[in-house]
Amino acid sequence: MPENSSSGIDSPRAWLIVVAAFIGSFVAFGITYTFGVFLKPMRETFGASQSLMSLLFSCLTGLSFFLAPVTGDIADRAGPRVVVGAGAVLMGAGLIFTARTHSFAMLFLTYGAGVGAAIACIYVPSIAAVGEWFKIHRDVALGIAISGIGCGTLVYAPLAAILIKRFGWRSTFEIFGWSSAVLLLICAALLSQPPVLNVMRKKRTNVMQKVRTAEFVWVYISMMFAALATYITFVFLPAYAADVGVSHIAGAALIGYIGASSVVGRLGLNALAPRFGLLTMYKISFLVLLAGYVVWLVAHSYISLVIFSLVMGVGYGGIAAMSPAVAAAVFGIEGLGELLGILFTSFGVACVVGPPLAGVLVDRTHDYKWPVVLALGGAVGGMITVLMVRRRGEQQEAGIGAVEGVTGSE
């Protein structure tokens, strides 16, 4: 099939895959990143500590990324539609059962395992499909698809706060459950196997050989540090804001500001990649993220927290948007779903370590400065290690970019 046909690479059909991936990211992470909004009312209902609530969030996000290599591999072999369809069912069921459970232990099954497995079925398979459907416009297509995370955060966080205030957290989860299932089934219906799938199966290289390279190690570690900072923020920023006298809805709005500004990072910084180089803009995203946490460290007012949210969101959005493109540029698109799944386990490691540790420190000291300090440490670690990615991966990126036609490596 010719690459420029109506159903081939970089075709109008390919852009429908972008729409599908945008919807998937919008729903999956828009709902996930409202956890900080639900934290206080759920903690009061179940009488749980900060550390236990953080552990619940870590269960959800950790499972979503630790399962990603499996779901990515299945999508590589069978196509993304059936995997994302399963995720739609799991997401709806997980949220609805969470709304109806009266045991905190059961939340680890309904919310942690159910919603976590759903995200694993949705995100990597749909994003990998975008990478496989594009060649010339891959970086832009990935940036648009992943911007669904920021748009979802912008919409769901304040919406959750409003719904919780009016109907309670249980009814809000019920509403999110039914609506997410419908939207994600639409997402699954729009997805299809890439036209080069059969060729890729024949040419597919051993993914584990790529994982053993130095380039992969530095990309993995830098993403882990950045994710540690990010997940601590999503869990504790609303509670931190409440601790300094900010209202519940205004605190939830901070998460929305992160989502809004992350769209700027996903589309704006990513759009500059063809001109300044993909890895250069990737490094700048880490620098912006670090600058945001410096602001949070000295923040003493709501305005300063808004500034932090906007700056941090731009950096976080740029990193999220360019990570799949960096992986495709450095390692190629063969087995991209499985490779991204393995790479994204770095997020799982970060969320298993970061939020629970911050929660323990808050429980023991009753000081919400500890999450800020830990997040800043993660941003510093990410900045240091991403510099190694630039030095070690630059030559290989150029070589693969010439073969694959990745615009970001030029």
Protein backbone atom coordinates (compact mmCIF):
# COMPACT_ATOMS: atom_id res chain seq x y z
CA MET A 1 0.00 0.00 0.00
CA PRO A 2 1.51 3.41 -0.93
CA GLU A 3 2.47 5.46 2.07
CA ASN A 4 0.57 8.53 0.89
CA SER A 5 -2.72 6.73 0.15
CA SER A 6 -5.88 7.68 2.00
CA SER A 7 -5.39 4.86 4.51
CA GLY A 8 -1.60 4.73 4.79
CA ILE A 9 1.21 6.39 6.73
CA ASP A 10 0.69 10.14 7.40
CA SER A 11 -2.76 9.91 5.76
CA PRO A 12 -6.12 11.35 6.90
CA ARG A 13 -6.83 7.92 8.41
CA ALA A 14 -3.67 8.30 10.47
CA TRP A 15 -4.99 11.54 11.97
CA LEU A 16 -8.07 9.68 13.20
CA ILE A 17 -5.64 7.57 15.22
CA VAL A 18 -4.38 10.82 16.76
CA VAL A 19 -7.97 11.75 17.68
CA ALA A 20 -8.43 8.34 19.30
CA ALA A 21 -5.19 8.60 21.29
CA PHE A 22 -6.13 12.14 22.38
CA ILE A 23 -9.46 10.85 23.73
CA GLY A 24 -7.72 7.98 25.51
CA SER A 25 -5.16 10.27 27.15
CA PHE A 26 -7.84 12.83 27.99
CA VAL A 27 -10.00 10.35 29.87
CA ALA A 28 -7.38 8.06 31.41
CA PHE A 29 -5.09 10.68 32.89
CA GLY A 30 -7.68 13.39 33.33
CA ILE A 31 -9.44 11.11 35.81
CA THR A 32 -6.22 9.75 37.34
CA TYR A 33 -4.79 13.19 38.09
CA THR A 34 -7.92 14.23 40.00
CA PHE A 35 -6.76 12.00 42.86
CA GLY A 36 -5.54 14.98 44.85
CA VAL A 37 -9.05 16.44 44.63
CA PHE A 38 -10.60 13.21 45.97
CA LEU A 39 -7.90 12.71 48.63
CA LYS A 40 -9.47 14.74 51.46
CA PRO A 41 -13.11 13.55 51.18
CA MET A 42 -12.07 9.90 50.70
CA ARG A 43 -9.62 10.12 53.62
CA GLU A 44 -12.35 11.51 55.85
CA THR A 45 -14.81 8.79 54.77
CA PHE A 46 -12.44 5.89 55.44
CA GLY A 47 -10.37 7.44 58.23
CA ALA A 48 -7.18 6.72 56.31
CA SER A 49 -3.80 8.39 56.83
CA GLN A 50 -1.94 10.44 54.23
CA SER A 51 0.51 7.61 53.70
CA LEU A 52 -2.26 5.04 53.09
CA MET A 53 -4.02 7.34 50.62
CA SER A 54 -0.70 7.92 48.85
CA LEU A 55 -0.16 4.16 48.72
CA LEU A 56 -3.55 3.79 47.01
CA PHE A 57 -2.51 6.29 44.35
CA SER A 58 0.81 4.51 43.93
CA CYS A 59 -1.01 1.21 43.48
CA LEU A 60 -3.08 2.70 40.67
CA THR A 61 -0.29 4.48 38.81
CA GLY A 62 2.33 1.83 39.50
CA LEU A 63 0.15 -0.97 38.14
CA SER A 64 -0.79 1.12 35.11
CA PHE A 65 2.86 1.43 34.11
CA PHE A 66 4.15 -1.96 35.27
CA LEU A 67 1.50 -3.64 33.11
CA ALA A 68 2.32 -1.40 30.15
CA PRO A 69 5.01 -3.72 28.66
CA VAL A 70 2.42 -6.51 28.55
CA THR A 71 -0.37 -4.43 27.02
CA GLY A 72 2.08 -2.78 24.63
CA ASP A 73 3.33 -6.15 23.43
CA ILE A 74 -0.22 -7.45 22.94
CA ALA A 75 -1.10 -4.32 20.97
CA ASP A 76 2.03 -4.76 18.82
CA ARG A 77 0.89 -8.27 17.94
CA ALA A 78 -2.91 -8.01 17.79
CA GLY A 79 -3.54 -4.33 17.21
CA PRO A 80 -4.60 -1.64 19.69
CA ARG A 81 -8.40 -1.78 19.30
CA VAL A 82 -9.10 -4.85 21.39
CA VAL A 83 -6.67 -3.79 24.14
CA VAL A 84 -8.14 -0.28 24.45
CA GLY A 85 -11.66 -1.74 24.34
CA ALA A 86 -10.79 -3.89 27.34
CA GLY A 87 -9.43 -0.78 29.04
CA ALA A 88 -12.74 1.02 28.48
CA VAL A 89 -14.64 -1.73 30.29
CA LEU A 90 -12.11 -1.87 33.13
CA MET A 91 -12.14 1.90 33.59
CA GLY A 92 -15.91 2.13 33.80
CA ALA A 93 -16.23 -0.87 36.10
CA GLY A 94 -13.35 0.21 38.34
CA LEU A 95 -14.77 3.68 38.97
CA ILE A 96 -18.35 2.49 39.46
CA PHE A 97 -17.33 -0.22 41.94
CA THR A 98 -15.10 2.31 43.74
CA ALA A 99 -18.12 4.55 44.21
CA ARG A 100 -20.01 1.69 45.86
CA THR A 101 -17.36 0.14 48.11
CA HIS A 102 -17.38 0.75 51.86
CA SER A 103 -14.06 -0.93 52.66
CA PHE A 104 -10.77 0.90 52.29
CA ALA A 105 -9.02 -2.41 51.52
CA MET A 106 -11.41 -2.98 48.60
CA LEU A 107 -10.29 0.33 47.08
CA PHE A 108 -6.98 -1.32 46.23
CA LEU A 109 -8.92 -3.80 44.08
CA THR A 110 -11.54 -1.53 42.51
CA TYR A 111 -9.58 1.71 42.19
CA GLY A 112 -5.95 0.62 42.39
CA ALA A 113 -6.09 -2.58 40.33
CA GLY A 114 -9.18 -1.88 38.22
CA VAL A 115 -8.43 1.65 37.09
CA GLY A 116 -4.67 0.97 37.02
CA ALA A 117 -5.09 -1.97 34.63
CA ALA A 118 -7.45 0.16 32.53
CA ILE A 119 -4.84 2.87 32.03
CA ALA A 120 -2.26 0.24 31.07
CA CYS A 121 -4.63 -0.95 28.35
CA ILE A 122 -5.35 2.54 27.08
CA TYR A 123 -2.29 4.80 27.08
CA VAL A 124 0.69 2.89 25.66
CA PRO A 125 -1.25 0.97 22.96
CA SER A 126 -2.92 4.14 21.65
CA ILE A 127 0.23 6.30 21.78
CA ALA A 128 2.34 3.57 20.17
CA ALA A 129 -0.26 3.35 17.40
CA VAL A 130 0.26 7.03 16.65
CA GLY A 131 4.03 6.51 16.36
CA GLU A 132 3.47 3.59 13.98
CA TRP A 133 0.97 5.44 11.77
CA PHE A 134 3.32 8.41 11.16
CA LYS A 135 6.73 9.00 9.66
CA ILE A 136 7.04 12.60 8.45
CA HIS A 137 4.74 14.20 11.04
CA ARG A 138 5.38 11.79 13.90
CA ASP A 139 6.62 14.35 16.45
CA VAL A 140 3.66 16.70 15.87
CA ALA A 141 1.14 13.84 15.90
CA LEU A 142 2.52 12.46 19.17
CA GLY A 143 2.49 15.94 20.72
CA ILE A 144 -1.18 16.44 19.82
CA ALA A 145 -2.16 12.97 21.04
CA ILE A 146 -0.40 13.34 24.38
CA SER A 147 -1.81 16.84 24.88
CA GLY A 148 -5.00 14.98 25.76
CA ILE A 149 -3.42 14.42 29.20
CA GLY A 150 -3.16 18.16 29.81
CA CYS A 151 -6.61 18.92 28.44
CA GLY A 152 -8.08 16.11 30.54
CA THR A 153 -6.39 17.44 33.67
CA LEU A 154 -7.66 20.93 32.90
CA VAL A 155 -11.25 19.70 32.58
CA TYR A 156 -11.51 16.89 35.12
CA ALA A 157 -9.83 18.47 38.17
CA PRO A 158 -12.14 21.49 38.56
CA LEU A 159 -15.11 19.42 37.36
CA ALA A 160 -14.40 16.85 40.07
CA ALA A 161 -14.24 19.57 42.74
CA ILE A 162 -17.58 21.01 41.63
CA LEU A 163 -19.28 17.60 41.43
CA ILE A 164 -17.89 16.50 44.80
CA LYS A 165 -19.19 19.66 46.46
CA ARG A 166 -22.65 19.14 44.95
CA PHE A 167 -23.10 15.36 44.87
CA GLY A 168 -20.27 13.87 46.99
CA TRP A 169 -17.25 11.87 45.92
CA ARG A 170 -19.14 8.60 45.40
CA SER A 171 -21.60 10.03 42.90
CA THR A 172 -18.75 11.81 41.15
CA PHE A 173 -16.92 8.53 40.63
CA GLU A 174 -20.15 7.00 39.34
CA ILE A 175 -20.57 9.80 36.81
CA PHE A 176 -16.94 9.49 35.74
CA GLY A 177 -17.30 5.72 35.42
CA TRP A 178 -20.21 5.66 32.98
CA SER A 179 -18.98 8.62 30.92
CA SER A 180 -15.41 7.33 30.66
CA ALA A 181 -16.55 3.93 29.42
CA VAL A 182 -18.52 5.55 26.59
CA LEU A 183 -15.68 7.88 25.55
CA LEU A 184 -13.08 5.11 25.65
CA LEU A 185 -15.21 2.76 23.56
CA ILE A 186 -15.30 5.53 20.93
CA CYS A 187 -11.53 5.73 21.24
CA ALA A 188 -11.21 1.97 20.65
CA ALA A 189 -13.52 2.09 17.64
CA LEU A 190 -11.34 4.72 15.95
CA LEU A 191 -8.12 2.73 16.42
CA SER A 192 -6.82 0.17 13.95
CA GLN A 193 -3.64 -1.72 13.12
CA PRO A 194 -0.96 0.31 11.35
CA PRO A 195 -0.54 -0.51 7.64
CA VAL A 196 3.09 -1.53 8.20
CA LEU A 197 2.34 -3.99 11.03
CA ASN A 198 3.05 -7.19 9.10
CA VAL A 199 6.29 -5.78 7.66
CA MET A 200 7.35 -4.69 11.12
CA ARG A 201 6.77 -8.18 12.50
CA LYS A 202 9.27 -9.57 10.01
CA LYS A 203 11.85 -6.86 10.62
CA ARG A 204 11.27 -6.51 14.37
CA THR A 205 14.45 -6.35 16.38
CA ASN A 206 14.90 -7.73 19.85
CA VAL A 207 13.49 -5.11 22.19
CA MET A 208 15.61 -6.35 25.06
CA GLN A 209 18.77 -5.53 23.10
CA LYS A 210 17.62 -1.90 23.03
CA VAL A 211 16.82 -1.96 26.74
CA ARG A 212 20.41 -2.97 27.55
CA THR A 213 21.93 0.10 25.86
CA ALA A 214 23.32 3.09 27.78
CA GLU A 215 20.92 5.39 25.94
CA PHE A 216 17.92 3.51 27.32
CA VAL A 217 19.29 3.58 30.88
CA TRP A 218 19.71 7.36 30.91
CA VAL A 219 16.33 8.00 29.31
CA TYR A 220 14.73 5.67 31.86
CA ILE A 221 16.39 7.26 34.90
CA SER A 222 15.66 10.83 33.77
CA MET A 223 11.99 9.99 33.23
CA MET A 224 11.82 8.30 36.64
CA PHE A 225 13.12 11.40 38.44
CA ALA A 226 10.78 13.73 36.52
CA ALA A 227 7.84 11.44 37.27
CA LEU A 228 8.71 11.34 40.97
CA ALA A 229 8.40 15.12 41.11
CA THR A 230 5.22 15.12 39.03
CA TYR A 231 3.32 12.47 40.98
CA ILE A 232 4.14 14.03 44.34
CA THR A 233 2.67 17.23 42.96
CA PHE A 234 -0.58 15.68 41.75
CA VAL A 235 -1.13 13.96 45.08
CA PHE A 236 -0.13 16.72 47.51
CA LEU A 237 -0.56 20.10 45.80
CA PRO A 238 -4.28 20.50 46.69
CA ALA A 239 -3.60 19.42 50.29
CA TYR A 240 -0.59 21.77 50.48
CA ALA A 241 -2.78 24.60 49.22
CA ALA A 242 -5.44 23.80 51.82
CA ASP A 243 -2.76 23.81 54.52
CA VAL A 244 -1.89 27.42 53.66
CA GLY A 245 -5.55 28.49 53.69
CA VAL A 246 -6.68 27.97 50.09
CA SER A 247 -10.23 26.70 49.49
CA HIS A 248 -10.88 23.18 48.17
CA ILE A 249 -12.07 24.35 44.74
CA ALA A 250 -9.21 26.85 44.38
CA GLY A 251 -6.74 24.11 45.34
CA ALA A 252 -8.26 21.79 42.73
CA ALA A 253 -7.94 24.60 40.19
CA LEU A 254 -4.16 24.44 40.63
CA ILE A 255 -4.22 20.95 39.10
CA GLY A 256 -6.28 22.41 36.28
CA TYR A 257 -3.67 25.13 35.74
CA ILE A 258 -1.01 22.42 35.45
CA GLY A 259 -3.14 20.69 32.84
CA ALA A 260 -3.69 23.90 30.88
CA SER A 261 -0.04 24.93 30.83
CA SER A 262 1.06 21.38 30.05
CA VAL A 263 -0.77 21.71 26.74
CA VAL A 264 1.51 24.66 26.01
CA GLY A 265 4.50 22.47 26.80
CA ARG A 266 3.20 19.51 24.81
CA LEU A 267 2.41 21.53 21.70
CA GLY A 268 4.70 24.57 22.03
CA LEU A 269 8.00 23.01 23.10
CA ASN A 270 7.37 19.98 20.94
CA ALA A 271 6.70 22.18 17.89
CA LEU A 272 10.17 23.73 18.29
CA ALA A 273 11.87 20.32 18.12
CA PRO A 274 12.29 20.27 14.30
CA ARG A 275 14.08 23.64 14.47
CA PHE A 276 16.27 23.24 17.56
CA GLY A 277 16.56 19.46 17.81
CA LEU A 278 14.41 16.96 19.65
CA LEU A 279 16.87 16.22 22.47
CA THR A 280 17.65 19.92 22.94
CA MET A 281 13.99 20.75 23.52
CA TYR A 282 13.64 17.67 25.70
CA LYS A 283 16.46 19.01 27.90
CA ILE A 284 14.83 22.45 28.04
CA SER A 285 11.61 20.83 29.27
CA PHE A 286 13.50 19.36 32.23
CA LEU A 287 15.01 22.78 32.93
CA VAL A 288 11.58 24.42 32.96
CA LEU A 289 10.28 21.67 35.27
CA LEU A 290 13.15 22.35 37.69
CA ALA A 291 12.46 26.09 37.60
CA GLY A 292 8.87 25.42 38.59
CA TYR A 293 9.87 23.50 41.72
CA VAL A 294 12.22 26.28 42.76
CA VAL A 295 9.16 28.56 42.67
CA TRP A 296 7.15 26.09 44.80
CA LEU A 297 9.94 25.91 47.38
CA VAL A 298 9.60 29.64 48.10
CA ALA A 299 5.84 29.92 47.50
CA HIS A 300 3.86 31.53 50.32
CA SER A 301 0.68 32.71 48.57
CA TYR A 302 -1.96 31.43 46.19
CA ILE A 303 -0.59 33.58 43.36
CA SER A 304 2.85 32.01 43.76
CA LEU A 305 1.24 28.55 43.70
CA VAL A 306 -0.51 29.47 40.46
CA ILE A 307 2.83 30.58 39.00
CA PHE A 308 4.37 27.27 40.09
CA SER A 309 1.52 25.33 38.49
CA LEU A 310 1.88 27.16 35.19
CA VAL A 311 5.68 26.83 35.00
CA MET A 312 5.77 23.22 36.20
CA GLY A 313 3.00 22.32 33.76
CA VAL A 314 4.93 23.60 30.76
CA GLY A 315 7.99 21.53 31.68
CA TYR A 316 6.00 18.43 32.56
CA GLY A 317 4.00 18.71 29.35
CA GLY A 318 7.10 19.00 27.19
CA ILE A 319 8.68 15.94 28.80
CA ALA A 320 5.51 13.87 28.42
CA ALA A 321 5.04 14.90 24.79
CA MET A 322 8.59 14.29 23.67
CA SER A 323 9.37 11.07 25.57
CA PRO A 324 7.71 8.78 22.98
CA ALA A 325 9.28 10.77 20.14
CA VAL A 326 12.71 10.50 21.78
CA ALA A 327 12.22 6.73 22.13
CA ALA A 328 11.19 6.44 18.46
CA ALA A 329 14.09 8.63 17.33
CA VAL A 330 16.79 6.86 19.33
CA PHE A 331 15.53 3.27 19.15
CA GLY A 332 13.34 3.10 16.03
CA ILE A 333 9.64 2.19 15.78
CA GLU A 334 10.01 -1.63 15.62
CA GLY A 335 8.35 -3.02 18.75
CA LEU A 336 7.59 0.54 19.87
CA GLY A 337 4.59 -0.48 21.98
CA GLU A 338 6.58 -2.95 24.06
CA LEU A 339 9.57 -0.59 24.28
CA LEU A 340 7.42 2.30 25.51
CA GLY A 341 5.77 -0.05 27.97
CA ILE A 342 9.13 -0.97 29.47
CA LEU A 343 10.28 2.66 29.43
CA PHE A 344 7.14 3.82 31.20
CA THR A 345 7.73 1.45 34.10
CA SER A 346 10.03 4.27 35.23
CA PHE A 347 6.81 6.15 36.07
CA GLY A 348 5.66 3.15 38.07
CA VAL A 349 8.88 3.11 40.10
CA ALA A 350 8.54 6.84 40.74
CA CYS A 351 4.95 6.67 41.96
CA VAL A 352 5.63 3.64 44.18
CA VAL A 353 8.48 5.50 45.88
CA GLY A 354 7.58 9.21 45.78
CA PRO A 355 4.01 9.77 47.06
CA PRO A 356 4.15 7.13 49.84
CA LEU A 357 7.45 8.51 51.12
CA ALA A 358 6.06 12.03 51.06
CA GLY A 359 2.93 10.79 52.84
CA VAL A 360 4.92 9.15 55.63
CA LEU A 361 6.93 12.34 56.17
CA VAL A 362 3.76 14.45 56.29
CA ASP A 363 2.12 12.04 58.78
CA ARG A 364 5.16 12.18 61.05
CA THR A 365 5.95 15.90 60.84
CA HIS A 366 2.59 17.43 59.85
CA ASP A 367 4.64 19.63 57.54
CA TYR A 368 3.63 19.85 53.87
CA LYS A 369 7.04 21.25 52.94
CA TRP A 370 8.39 17.69 52.70
CA PRO A 371 6.56 16.89 49.45
CA VAL A 372 7.99 20.10 48.00
CA VAL A 373 11.55 19.15 48.98
CA LEU A 374 11.22 15.62 47.59
CA ALA A 375 9.70 16.89 44.35
CA LEU A 376 12.50 19.42 43.95
CA GLY A 377 15.04 16.64 44.48
CA GLY A 378 13.38 14.62 41.73
CA ALA A 379 13.52 17.59 39.35
CA VAL A 380 17.22 18.08 40.09
CA GLY A 381 17.92 14.39 39.48
CA GLY A 382 16.02 14.51 36.22
CA MET A 383 17.97 17.55 35.03
CA ILE A 384 21.32 15.92 35.76
CA THR A 385 20.53 12.61 34.10
CA VAL A 386 18.85 14.06 31.02
CA LEU A 387 22.16 15.76 30.20
CA MET A 388 23.62 12.28 29.82
CA VAL A 389 20.87 11.38 27.37
CA ARG A 390 21.85 14.29 25.20
CA ARG A 391 25.52 13.39 25.10
CA ARG A 392 25.17 9.65 24.72
CA GLY A 393 22.17 9.51 22.44
CA GLU A 394 22.83 12.38 20.06
CA GLN A 395 24.91 10.48 17.50
CA GLN A 396 22.59 7.47 17.43
CA GLU A 397 19.53 9.74 17.19
CA ALA A 398 20.96 11.40 14.09
CA GLY A 399 21.67 8.07 12.45
CA ILE A 400 18.26 6.58 13.11
CA GLY A 401 16.55 9.84 12.23
CA ALA A 402 18.13 9.75 8.79
CA VAL A 403 16.74 6.29 8.18
CA GLU A 404 13.32 6.71 9.78
CA GLY A 405 12.74 10.30 8.70
CA VAL A 406 12.19 11.62 12.19
CA THR A 407 11.99 15.38 11.88
CA GLY A 408 12.88 16.00 15.51
CA SER A 409 16.42 14.67 15.03
CA GLU A 410 17.32 17.14 12.38
